[in-house]
Amino acid sequence: MNATTGIWRRFFAEERDAYVLGLLRLAFSALLFFNLLRTALEFDRDGFFGDYFHMPMISEAWVPSRAGYQLLLGVQGLASLLAFVGLWPREALLVASSTGLYLLTCDRLQYHNNRYTLLLLGFLLSFMPCDRSFLITRGRFHTLPHGQRIAPTFARRLFQIQVSLVYLGSTSGKLIDADWRSGQVLLMRFAKAPEICAQHGLILPAWMIALLGSAWFASLAAKAAITNELLIAFGVWQPRTRRVALWLGVGFHFWIELTANVELFSWVMAASYFAFVTPEIRERRFEYAPSQTRAAAMARFVALADWCARFERTPLRPSATHSAPFYVTNREGRRATGVLGLSQLAEAIPLLFPLWPLLALYAKFTTKARARPA
């Protein structure tokens, strides 16, 4: 009974710091605006969908006219901008996402899973207390005091569940499709990879092009993709595996972005990972020697790149004797410097997060090498 009560409270009644949710709002309002720009460009290029063949999921009487469609696009764009700068952010998010969802129902031919995912997650985000930080209109005082940021985060759980359902739904579709399981779908996609990479300014070497064109590699990649999505879907729910699951997700979506045209989907899923960040802030510490140029530069970088406010920056006292220019203390209280300190920094800084496993492994092996007797 106590365990059940604990789970119920954790999912439905817990109150946490809402600081990081403001960052999530920034990301999704920007993505909603870019999605609106794509829709506007399609309208400019192809014209109003109601003027030619379309398949509404609602009654034709509920489909807007050409002028009404233009008005709704304008409303969606304005609402996205208001949500980004922090003017009635939750209401603006609700309007932007609801308008987009309504327009999807007006023409089945415009429906794509990635667009629906963006709009649905934006809709769920509007019910979170994401209006208590990163309020650009407030200038330097963009974040409310700590006491005012504590709020119920039930909607965050719904958001997290939806993210997992996206991966589970994708995995189910791949398992049902024999061509996906065998790698045939990826083989055709990999054939286009060199051209897509070239568009991103990345020229693949000949050996990699040959590897991408091999059937055995496509089959292996298909099975790895299915396994990877399952690991992400379930791994994000366990504190011990969450960091690894999120890192796998970042690499997975980076690969998708290079090899397939999925519009904003990779960015949407990467941004959604902020919902899994531990809400409490300043639970880590970065200590540095202000007199040392590199340490001071690192402190400035941490101040700029610590978007989730993980670290409390503390200058080392000049009178004290220190053997290193900086120290990093993680949430568990482990104080480290050198490569190990950098790995603890990378696990909490979004821009450095892709490097975290490499730094952690390097630190582990070099520490063992130094500890081995001669």
Protein backbone atom coordinates (compact mmCIF):
# COMPACT_ATOMS: atom_id res chain seq x y z
CA MET A 1 0.00 0.00 0.00
CA ASN A 2 2.83 2.40 0.88
CA ALA A 3 4.63 1.68 -2.40
CA THR A 4 1.45 2.32 -4.36
CA THR A 5 0.87 5.56 -2.47
CA GLY A 6 4.44 6.65 -3.20
CA ILE A 7 4.05 6.02 -6.92
CA TRP A 8 0.73 7.87 -6.95
CA ARG A 9 2.24 10.89 -5.21
CA ARG A 10 5.31 10.89 -7.45
CA PHE A 11 3.20 10.90 -10.61
CA PHE A 12 0.20 12.99 -9.61
CA ALA A 13 0.98 15.11 -6.56
CA GLU A 14 4.69 15.94 -6.54
CA GLU A 15 5.86 19.55 -6.69
CA ARG A 16 9.28 20.32 -8.15
CA ASP A 17 11.32 23.27 -9.36
CA ALA A 18 9.99 24.44 -12.75
CA TYR A 19 13.18 26.17 -13.92
CA VAL A 20 14.09 23.67 -16.65
CA LEU A 21 10.52 23.68 -17.98
CA GLY A 22 11.10 27.27 -19.10
CA LEU A 23 13.98 26.03 -21.26
CA LEU A 24 11.69 23.35 -22.67
CA ARG A 25 9.16 26.08 -23.52
CA LEU A 26 11.81 28.09 -25.37
CA ALA A 27 12.78 25.08 -27.46
CA PHE A 28 9.25 24.04 -28.36
CA SER A 29 7.97 27.53 -29.10
CA ALA A 30 10.90 28.00 -31.50
CA LEU A 31 10.15 24.63 -33.14
CA LEU A 32 6.47 25.53 -33.45
CA PHE A 33 7.46 28.77 -35.17
CA PHE A 34 9.76 26.98 -37.62
CA ASN A 35 7.00 24.48 -38.33
CA LEU A 36 4.71 27.42 -39.06
CA LEU A 37 7.30 28.84 -41.46
CA ARG A 38 7.38 25.52 -43.31
CA THR A 39 3.59 25.56 -43.60
CA ALA A 40 3.63 29.16 -44.83
CA LEU A 41 6.24 28.32 -47.48
CA GLU A 42 4.15 25.37 -48.65
CA PHE A 43 1.14 27.67 -48.86
CA ASP A 44 3.11 30.19 -50.91
CA ARG A 45 4.44 27.48 -53.23
CA ASP A 46 1.45 25.18 -53.62
CA GLY A 47 -1.47 27.44 -52.78
CA PHE A 48 -4.40 26.81 -50.44
CA PHE A 49 -5.05 23.08 -49.96
CA GLY A 50 -8.83 23.73 -49.97
CA ASP A 51 -8.67 24.84 -53.61
CA TYR A 52 -7.73 21.36 -54.81
CA PHE A 53 -8.11 17.75 -53.71
CA HIS A 54 -7.89 17.27 -49.96
CA MET A 55 -9.13 14.75 -47.39
CA PRO A 56 -10.46 16.40 -44.22
CA MET A 57 -10.76 14.32 -41.06
CA ILE A 58 -13.58 16.61 -39.94
CA SER A 59 -16.69 17.83 -41.68
CA GLU A 60 -15.99 19.93 -44.76
CA ALA A 61 -18.05 22.70 -43.19
CA TRP A 62 -15.38 23.04 -40.49
CA VAL A 63 -12.54 23.50 -42.99
CA PRO A 64 -11.54 27.21 -43.09
CA SER A 65 -11.65 29.34 -46.20
CA ARG A 66 -8.49 30.64 -47.83
CA ALA A 67 -8.65 33.87 -45.83
CA GLY A 68 -9.46 31.96 -42.66
CA TYR A 69 -6.49 29.66 -43.23
CA GLN A 70 -4.16 32.63 -43.64
CA LEU A 71 -5.56 34.17 -40.46
CA LEU A 72 -4.99 30.94 -38.51
CA LEU A 73 -1.41 30.73 -39.75
CA GLY A 74 -0.85 34.29 -38.56
CA VAL A 75 -2.36 33.49 -35.16
CA GLN A 76 -0.18 30.39 -34.85
CA GLY A 77 2.98 32.34 -35.69
CA LEU A 78 2.18 35.18 -33.28
CA ALA A 79 1.33 32.73 -30.48
CA SER A 80 4.63 30.91 -31.00
CA LEU A 81 6.57 34.17 -30.70
CA LEU A 82 4.66 35.21 -27.58
CA ALA A 83 5.40 31.84 -25.97
CA PHE A 84 9.08 32.23 -26.81
CA VAL A 85 9.51 35.68 -25.28
CA GLY A 86 7.35 34.86 -22.25
CA LEU A 87 4.17 36.90 -22.78
CA TRP A 88 1.28 34.72 -21.59
CA PRO A 89 3.54 31.76 -22.50
CA ARG A 90 1.27 28.89 -21.51
CA GLU A 91 -1.81 30.41 -23.13
CA ALA A 92 0.22 31.19 -26.26
CA LEU A 93 1.56 27.62 -26.40
CA LEU A 94 -1.97 26.29 -26.08
CA VAL A 95 -3.19 28.49 -28.95
CA ALA A 96 -0.22 27.69 -31.21
CA SER A 97 -0.39 23.92 -30.71
CA SER A 98 -4.20 23.70 -30.79
CA THR A 99 -4.33 25.71 -34.02
CA GLY A 100 -1.77 23.41 -35.59
CA LEU A 101 -3.63 20.29 -34.47
CA TYR A 102 -6.88 21.68 -35.87
CA LEU A 103 -5.27 22.42 -39.24
CA LEU A 104 -3.92 18.87 -39.40
CA THR A 105 -7.49 17.58 -39.15
CA CYS A 106 -8.49 19.77 -42.10
CA ASP A 107 -6.41 17.75 -44.56
CA ARG A 108 -5.26 14.18 -44.00
CA LEU A 109 -2.71 14.60 -46.80
CA GLN A 110 -0.77 17.13 -44.69
CA TYR A 111 -0.54 14.75 -41.74
CA HIS A 112 2.91 13.49 -40.77
CA ASN A 113 3.84 11.74 -37.55
CA ASN A 114 6.65 14.21 -36.86
CA ARG A 115 4.31 17.21 -37.18
CA TYR A 116 1.71 15.60 -34.95
CA THR A 117 4.35 14.76 -32.34
CA LEU A 118 5.55 18.37 -32.23
CA LEU A 119 2.04 19.77 -31.89
CA LEU A 120 0.92 17.19 -29.31
CA LEU A 121 3.99 17.71 -27.11
CA GLY A 122 3.55 21.48 -27.42
CA PHE A 123 -0.07 21.04 -26.31
CA LEU A 124 0.97 19.01 -23.25
CA LEU A 125 3.70 21.53 -22.44
CA SER A 126 1.11 24.31 -22.19
CA PHE A 127 -0.29 22.57 -19.08
CA MET A 128 3.08 22.60 -17.30
CA PRO A 129 4.35 25.46 -15.12
CA CYS A 130 6.76 26.51 -17.87
CA ASP A 131 6.08 30.21 -17.33
CA ARG A 132 8.40 30.75 -14.35
CA SER A 133 11.81 31.00 -16.02
CA PHE A 134 13.42 32.17 -19.28
CA LEU A 135 10.96 35.04 -19.56
CA ILE A 136 12.82 37.22 -22.07
CA THR A 137 10.48 40.15 -21.58
CA ARG A 138 11.70 40.45 -17.96
CA GLY A 139 15.28 41.14 -19.08
CA ARG A 140 18.01 39.98 -16.73
CA PHE A 141 15.40 39.02 -14.12
CA HIS A 142 14.00 36.34 -16.41
CA THR A 143 13.53 33.78 -13.64
CA LEU A 144 11.10 33.94 -10.72
CA PRO A 145 12.43 33.33 -7.17
CA HIS A 146 12.85 29.73 -6.05
CA GLY A 147 9.70 29.68 -3.92
CA GLN A 148 7.56 30.82 -6.85
CA ARG A 149 9.04 28.19 -9.18
CA ILE A 150 7.93 25.23 -7.07
CA ALA A 151 4.78 23.86 -8.70
CA PRO A 152 2.91 20.61 -9.48
CA THR A 153 4.55 18.76 -12.37
CA PHE A 154 1.89 16.19 -13.20
CA ALA A 155 1.74 17.40 -16.81
CA ARG A 156 5.49 16.78 -17.08
CA ARG A 157 4.81 13.10 -16.42
CA LEU A 158 2.23 13.07 -19.21
CA PHE A 159 4.82 14.69 -21.49
CA GLN A 160 7.42 12.07 -20.55
CA ILE A 161 4.94 9.23 -21.11
CA GLN A 162 4.13 10.61 -24.55
CA VAL A 163 7.82 10.72 -25.46
CA SER A 164 8.18 7.05 -24.52
CA LEU A 165 5.02 6.21 -26.48
CA VAL A 166 6.54 7.83 -29.58
CA TYR A 167 9.50 5.45 -29.38
CA LEU A 168 7.30 2.45 -28.57
CA GLY A 169 4.97 3.27 -31.46
CA SER A 170 7.91 3.60 -33.83
CA THR A 171 9.35 0.29 -32.59
CA SER A 172 6.03 -1.50 -33.01
CA GLY A 173 5.72 -0.30 -36.58
CA LYS A 174 9.23 -1.51 -37.39
CA LEU A 175 8.64 -4.93 -35.81
CA ILE A 176 5.44 -5.44 -37.80
CA ASP A 177 7.06 -4.41 -41.09
CA ALA A 178 9.10 -7.31 -42.52
CA ASP A 179 11.03 -4.98 -44.84
CA TRP A 180 12.08 -2.90 -41.85
CA ARG A 181 13.15 -5.91 -39.79
CA SER A 182 15.21 -7.27 -42.66
CA GLY A 183 16.91 -3.94 -43.36
CA GLN A 184 15.45 -3.31 -46.83
CA VAL A 185 13.97 0.04 -45.78
CA LEU A 186 17.28 1.22 -44.35
CA LEU A 187 19.15 -0.06 -47.40
CA MET A 188 17.10 2.24 -49.62
CA ARG A 189 17.56 5.09 -47.17
CA PHE A 190 21.30 4.55 -46.91
CA ALA A 191 21.53 4.79 -50.69
CA LYS A 192 20.46 8.44 -50.38
CA ALA A 193 22.74 9.14 -47.40
CA PRO A 194 25.79 10.37 -49.39
CA GLU A 195 23.65 12.96 -51.18
CA ILE A 196 21.95 14.12 -47.97
CA CYS A 197 25.29 14.35 -46.15
CA ALA A 198 26.71 16.38 -49.05
CA GLN A 199 23.83 18.83 -48.64
CA HIS A 200 24.96 19.26 -45.03
CA GLY A 201 28.53 19.87 -46.23
CA LEU A 202 29.78 16.41 -45.22
CA ILE A 203 31.45 14.31 -47.93
CA LEU A 204 31.52 10.62 -47.03
CA PRO A 205 34.62 8.53 -47.88
CA ALA A 206 34.36 5.73 -50.43
CA TRP A 207 34.61 2.95 -47.82
CA MET A 208 31.67 4.37 -45.88
CA ILE A 209 29.55 4.67 -49.03
CA ALA A 210 30.31 1.01 -49.79
CA LEU A 211 29.41 0.04 -46.22
CA LEU A 212 26.09 1.89 -46.41
CA GLY A 213 25.29 0.04 -49.63
CA SER A 214 25.78 -3.44 -48.15
CA ALA A 215 22.74 -5.55 -47.22
CA TRP A 216 24.31 -7.07 -44.10
CA PHE A 217 25.04 -3.64 -42.66
CA ALA A 218 21.47 -2.48 -43.33
CA SER A 219 20.10 -5.58 -41.61
CA LEU A 220 22.35 -5.04 -38.59
CA ALA A 221 21.45 -1.34 -38.47
CA ALA A 222 17.71 -2.14 -38.53
CA LYS A 223 17.97 -4.46 -35.56
CA ALA A 224 20.18 -1.97 -33.73
CA ALA A 225 17.66 0.83 -34.37
CA ILE A 226 14.79 -1.24 -32.97
CA THR A 227 16.83 -2.21 -29.90
CA ASN A 228 17.99 1.37 -29.43
CA GLU A 229 14.45 2.77 -29.47
CA LEU A 230 13.37 0.22 -26.88
CA LEU A 231 16.31 1.14 -24.67
CA ILE A 232 15.41 4.82 -24.92
CA ALA A 233 11.69 4.26 -24.28
CA PHE A 234 12.29 2.32 -21.05
CA GLY A 235 15.74 3.54 -20.02
CA VAL A 236 14.69 7.16 -19.44
CA TRP A 237 12.49 6.05 -16.53
CA GLN A 238 15.31 4.62 -14.40
CA PRO A 239 17.81 7.04 -12.82
CA ARG A 240 20.67 4.57 -13.31
CA THR A 241 20.04 4.17 -17.05
CA ARG A 242 18.56 7.57 -17.92
CA ARG A 243 21.85 9.24 -18.79
CA VAL A 244 22.84 6.40 -21.13
CA ALA A 245 19.38 6.29 -22.70
CA LEU A 246 19.43 10.02 -23.41
CA TRP A 247 22.92 9.78 -24.87
CA LEU A 248 21.80 6.94 -27.15
CA GLY A 249 18.86 9.10 -28.19
CA VAL A 250 21.08 12.05 -29.11
CA GLY A 251 23.28 9.83 -31.29
CA PHE A 252 20.25 8.08 -32.79
CA HIS A 253 18.61 11.31 -33.88
CA PHE A 254 21.89 12.77 -35.15
CA TRP A 255 22.18 9.73 -37.42
CA ILE A 256 18.56 10.12 -38.55
CA GLU A 257 19.16 13.78 -39.34
CA LEU A 258 22.11 12.86 -41.57
CA THR A 259 20.45 9.99 -43.40
CA ALA A 260 16.77 10.94 -43.75
CA ASN A 261 14.49 13.89 -44.29
CA VAL A 262 12.24 13.92 -41.22
CA GLU A 263 11.67 17.69 -41.05
CA LEU A 264 11.94 18.81 -37.40
CA PHE A 265 11.44 15.39 -35.79
CA SER A 266 15.03 14.90 -34.58
CA TRP A 267 15.07 18.38 -33.06
CA VAL A 268 11.69 17.80 -31.41
CA MET A 269 12.80 14.59 -29.73
CA ALA A 270 16.16 16.04 -28.67
CA ALA A 271 14.40 19.06 -27.15
CA SER A 272 11.94 16.78 -25.35
CA TYR A 273 14.84 15.27 -23.39
CA PHE A 274 14.88 18.40 -21.22
CA ALA A 275 11.67 17.08 -19.65
CA PHE A 276 13.73 14.22 -18.14
CA VAL A 277 16.33 16.49 -16.53
CA THR A 278 16.24 16.42 -12.73
CA PRO A 279 14.26 19.59 -11.91
CA GLU A 280 16.33 20.79 -8.94
CA ILE A 281 19.06 23.27 -9.82
CA ARG A 282 22.56 24.16 -8.54
CA GLU A 283 23.14 20.70 -7.05
CA ARG A 284 26.60 20.51 -8.63
CA ARG A 285 29.60 22.76 -8.06
CA PHE A 286 32.30 24.10 -10.37
CA GLU A 287 35.31 25.54 -8.54
CA TYR A 288 38.00 27.37 -10.47
CA ALA A 289 41.13 29.45 -9.97
CA PRO A 290 40.34 32.97 -11.28
CA SER A 291 44.04 33.76 -11.69
CA GLN A 292 44.52 31.00 -14.28
CA THR A 293 43.44 31.94 -17.80
CA ARG A 294 42.14 28.51 -18.83
CA ALA A 295 40.23 28.00 -15.61
CA ALA A 296 38.63 31.43 -15.91
CA ALA A 297 37.71 30.70 -19.54
CA MET A 298 36.13 27.42 -18.46
CA ALA A 299 34.12 29.26 -15.81
CA ARG A 300 32.81 31.67 -18.47
CA PHE A 301 31.89 28.74 -20.70
CA VAL A 302 30.03 27.03 -17.86
CA ALA A 303 28.14 30.27 -17.17
CA LEU A 304 27.03 30.46 -20.83
CA ALA A 305 26.40 26.77 -21.56
CA ASP A 306 24.88 25.65 -18.26
CA TRP A 307 21.34 26.10 -19.61
CA CYS A 308 19.79 23.82 -16.99
CA ALA A 309 21.51 25.64 -14.09
CA ARG A 310 23.24 22.49 -12.88
CA PHE A 311 26.34 24.16 -11.41
CA GLU A 312 27.10 26.61 -8.65
CA ARG A 313 30.26 28.42 -9.77
CA THR A 314 32.68 29.15 -6.94
CA PRO A 315 36.13 30.81 -7.24
CA LEU A 316 38.88 29.07 -5.31
CA ARG A 317 40.41 31.14 -2.55
CA PRO A 318 43.77 32.67 -3.61
CA SER A 319 45.26 31.92 -0.20
CA ALA A 320 44.54 28.20 -0.43
CA THR A 321 46.92 25.73 -2.05
CA HIS A 322 45.32 23.77 -4.89
CA SER A 323 46.87 21.15 -7.14
CA ALA A 324 44.47 21.78 -10.04
CA PRO A 325 42.99 24.84 -11.77
CA PHE A 326 39.43 23.57 -11.41
CA TYR A 327 37.29 21.03 -9.56
CA VAL A 328 33.89 19.60 -10.45
CA THR A 329 31.60 18.14 -7.79
CA ASN A 330 28.69 16.05 -9.08
CA ARG A 331 25.28 15.47 -7.50
CA GLU A 332 26.60 12.50 -5.49
CA GLY A 333 29.32 14.70 -3.94
CA ARG A 334 32.25 13.26 -5.90
CA ARG A 335 34.90 15.96 -6.39
CA ALA A 336 37.18 15.53 -9.38
CA THR A 337 39.50 17.40 -11.70
CA GLY A 338 41.30 16.70 -14.96
CA VAL A 339 39.58 14.42 -17.47
CA LEU A 340 37.30 12.94 -14.80
CA GLY A 341 36.21 16.45 -13.86
CA LEU A 342 35.56 17.22 -17.53
CA SER A 343 33.43 14.08 -17.85
CA GLN A 344 31.36 15.15 -14.83
CA LEU A 345 31.00 18.55 -16.48
CA ALA A 346 29.99 17.01 -19.81
CA GLU A 347 27.27 14.83 -18.30
CA ALA A 348 25.41 17.97 -17.18
CA ILE A 349 26.18 20.49 -19.98
CA PRO A 350 23.97 19.93 -23.06
CA LEU A 351 26.58 21.10 -25.59
CA LEU A 352 29.19 18.74 -24.13
CA PHE A 353 26.86 15.82 -23.48
CA PRO A 354 27.77 13.91 -26.70
CA LEU A 355 31.38 13.76 -25.44
CA TRP A 356 30.48 12.45 -21.99
CA PRO A 357 31.01 8.66 -22.55
CA LEU A 358 34.34 9.21 -24.31
CA LEU A 359 35.64 11.42 -21.52
CA ALA A 360 34.34 9.03 -18.84
CA LEU A 361 35.98 6.00 -20.48
CA TYR A 362 39.25 7.83 -21.03
CA ALA A 363 39.26 8.98 -17.41
CA LYS A 364 38.55 5.46 -16.19
CA PHE A 365 41.37 3.81 -18.17
CA THR A 366 43.95 6.53 -17.53
CA THR A 367 43.18 6.46 -13.80
CA LYS A 368 43.73 2.68 -13.76
CA ALA A 369 46.98 3.09 -15.70
CA ARG A 370 48.29 5.62 -13.20
CA ALA A 371 47.24 3.43 -10.29
CA ARG A 372 48.96 0.31 -11.69
CA PRO A 373 52.31 -0.35 -9.92
CA ALA A 374 55.47 -0.08 -12.00
